[in-house]
Amino acid sequence: MDGDFVVDNSIVMAWCFDDETNEKTEGILDRLTESTAFAPSIWPLELGNVLCVAERRKRIGEADSARFIALLSALPIIVEQETPDRMLKEIVALARNHQLSTYDASYLDLAMRKGLPLATQDKNLIKAARRSKVILL
């Protein structure tokens, strides 16, 4: 089970919360021992937002967030930068076409451009990936 892939926030955040982890998310985490994951430029902000909301809801503490971010920084996850022009044209068009948020469309776009499988638990993103012939992990 090796090979690079695109990972979305639904997978990554499951690593943070014990009640959200499952065999699939753990398998994808294990895969990072031999592979590299890619994420679109929106990912760090999306990740940070989930952590901030979890802190406000007292689901985790600030120290837990800091530890999780430190653990993530040790993993082979590469954030791919995108130009604002491309975000507002191609990715917005992809979002419209598949009825996705622009955030989710950015993961699909990255998987399509790089020809990599996509790791997600998001039901709408899974449907869009299948329609786009993107391999799912």
Protein backbone atom coordinates (compact mmCIF):
# COMPACT_ATOMS: atom_id res chain seq x y z
CA MET A 1 0.00 0.00 0.00
CA ASP A 2 2.41 2.65 -1.18
CA GLY A 3 2.26 5.61 -3.51
CA ASP A 4 1.64 9.31 -3.14
CA PHE A 5 -1.88 10.67 -2.74
CA VAL A 6 -3.96 13.76 -2.01
CA VAL A 7 -5.35 13.90 1.52
CA ASP A 8 -8.29 16.03 2.60
CA ASN A 9 -9.12 17.47 5.98
CA SER A 10 -11.79 14.87 6.79
CA ILE A 11 -9.03 12.27 6.98
CA VAL A 12 -6.47 14.43 8.79
CA MET A 13 -8.87 15.62 11.48
CA ALA A 14 -9.87 12.03 12.23
CA TRP A 15 -6.28 11.55 13.42
CA CYS A 16 -6.90 14.28 15.99
CA PHE A 17 -10.19 13.02 17.43
CA ASP A 18 -10.39 9.47 18.79
CA ASP A 19 -14.13 9.27 18.16
CA GLU A 20 -13.64 10.01 14.44
CA THR A 21 -10.79 7.63 13.66
CA ASN A 22 -11.41 4.31 11.93
CA GLU A 23 -9.56 1.62 9.99
CA LYS A 24 -9.53 3.73 6.83
CA THR A 25 -8.07 6.84 8.47
CA GLU A 26 -5.49 4.81 10.40
CA GLY A 27 -4.49 2.97 7.22
CA ILE A 28 -3.95 6.26 5.43
CA LEU A 29 -1.84 7.55 8.32
CA ASP A 30 0.24 4.34 8.18
CA ARG A 31 0.69 4.86 4.46
CA LEU A 32 2.66 8.04 5.20
CA THR A 33 5.62 5.94 6.37
CA GLU A 34 6.40 5.23 2.69
CA SER A 35 4.42 7.83 0.76
CA THR A 36 3.91 11.56 0.51
CA ALA A 37 0.54 13.24 0.85
CA PHE A 38 -0.37 16.43 -0.95
CA ALA A 39 -2.91 19.04 0.11
CA PRO A 40 -4.11 22.25 -1.54
CA SER A 41 -3.15 25.66 -0.23
CA ILE A 42 -6.48 26.02 1.62
CA TRP A 43 -5.69 23.03 3.86
CA PRO A 44 -3.72 24.76 6.66
CA LEU A 45 -6.52 27.30 7.16
CA GLU A 46 -9.19 24.60 7.04
CA LEU A 47 -7.24 22.54 9.59
CA GLY A 48 -6.72 25.56 11.83
CA ASN A 49 -10.41 26.42 11.70
CA VAL A 50 -11.45 22.93 12.83
CA LEU A 51 -8.97 23.11 15.71
CA CYS A 52 -10.19 26.57 16.78
CA VAL A 53 -13.83 25.44 16.73
CA ALA A 54 -12.93 22.29 18.69
CA GLU A 55 -11.16 24.45 21.29
CA ARG A 56 -14.16 26.80 21.60
CA ARG A 57 -16.44 23.81 22.11
CA LYS A 58 -14.04 22.44 24.76
CA ARG A 59 -13.50 19.31 22.72
CA ILE A 60 -9.72 19.82 22.93
CA GLY A 61 -7.41 22.26 24.62
CA GLU A 62 -4.98 24.72 23.08
CA ALA A 63 -2.06 22.51 24.12
CA ASP A 64 -3.71 19.55 22.34
CA SER A 65 -4.00 21.63 19.17
CA ALA A 66 -0.35 22.64 19.40
CA ARG A 67 0.73 19.01 19.88
CA PHE A 68 -1.39 17.89 16.92
CA ILE A 69 0.07 20.60 14.67
CA ALA A 70 3.59 19.57 15.75
CA LEU A 71 2.81 15.93 14.93
CA LEU A 72 1.44 16.91 11.52
CA SER A 73 4.52 18.97 10.73
CA ALA A 74 6.61 15.82 11.11
CA LEU A 75 4.56 13.99 8.47
CA PRO A 76 5.38 14.07 4.74
CA ILE A 77 2.48 16.33 3.76
CA ILE A 78 3.25 18.87 1.04
CA VAL A 79 0.99 21.89 0.65
CA GLU A 80 0.68 22.81 -3.02
CA GLN A 81 0.33 26.54 -3.63
CA GLU A 82 -2.18 27.82 -6.14
CA THR A 83 -2.55 31.18 -7.85
CA PRO A 84 -5.59 33.28 -6.95
CA ASP A 85 -6.47 33.46 -10.65
CA ARG A 86 -6.61 29.66 -10.92
CA MET A 87 -8.59 29.42 -7.67
CA LEU A 88 -11.19 31.87 -8.94
CA LYS A 89 -11.50 30.33 -12.38
CA GLU A 90 -10.75 26.61 -12.65
CA ILE A 91 -11.48 25.60 -9.06
CA VAL A 92 -14.69 27.66 -8.82
CA ALA A 93 -15.81 26.12 -12.15
CA LEU A 94 -15.04 22.63 -10.81
CA ALA A 95 -17.01 23.40 -7.64
CA ARG A 96 -20.00 24.56 -9.70
CA ASN A 97 -19.81 21.55 -11.98
CA HIS A 98 -19.82 19.06 -9.08
CA GLN A 99 -21.88 21.09 -6.58
CA LEU A 100 -18.98 21.14 -4.12
CA SER A 101 -17.62 23.84 -1.86
CA THR A 102 -14.59 25.53 -3.39
CA TYR A 103 -12.58 24.02 -0.53
CA ASP A 104 -13.56 20.48 -1.49
CA ALA A 105 -13.10 21.25 -5.19
CA SER A 106 -9.50 22.27 -4.45
CA TYR A 107 -8.75 18.71 -3.23
CA LEU A 108 -10.41 17.20 -6.30
CA ASP A 109 -8.56 19.58 -8.60
CA LEU A 110 -5.21 18.71 -7.01
CA ALA A 111 -5.85 14.97 -7.36
CA MET A 112 -6.86 15.43 -11.00
CA ARG A 113 -3.87 17.63 -11.88
CA LYS A 114 -1.33 15.37 -10.18
CA GLY A 115 -3.00 12.12 -11.31
CA LEU A 116 -3.02 10.91 -7.71
CA PRO A 117 -5.60 9.02 -5.67
CA LEU A 118 -7.70 10.99 -3.21
CA ALA A 119 -8.13 10.14 0.48
CA THR A 120 -11.40 11.56 1.82
CA GLN A 121 -14.38 10.66 3.94
CA ASP A 122 -16.54 13.47 2.53
CA LYS A 123 -19.54 11.92 0.75
CA ASN A 124 -19.98 14.71 -1.81
CA LEU A 125 -16.28 14.72 -2.61
CA ILE A 126 -16.33 10.93 -3.03
CA LYS A 127 -19.20 11.22 -5.55
CA ALA A 128 -17.41 13.99 -7.46
CA ALA A 129 -14.16 12.00 -7.53
CA ARG A 130 -15.97 8.97 -8.94
CA ARG A 131 -17.62 11.11 -11.64
CA SER A 132 -14.20 12.55 -12.47
CA LYS A 133 -12.53 9.12 -12.60
CA VAL A 134 -10.24 9.96 -9.67
CA ILE A 135 -9.10 6.90 -7.74
CA LEU A 136 -10.20 6.88 -4.10
CA LEU A 137 -8.22 5.42 -1.22
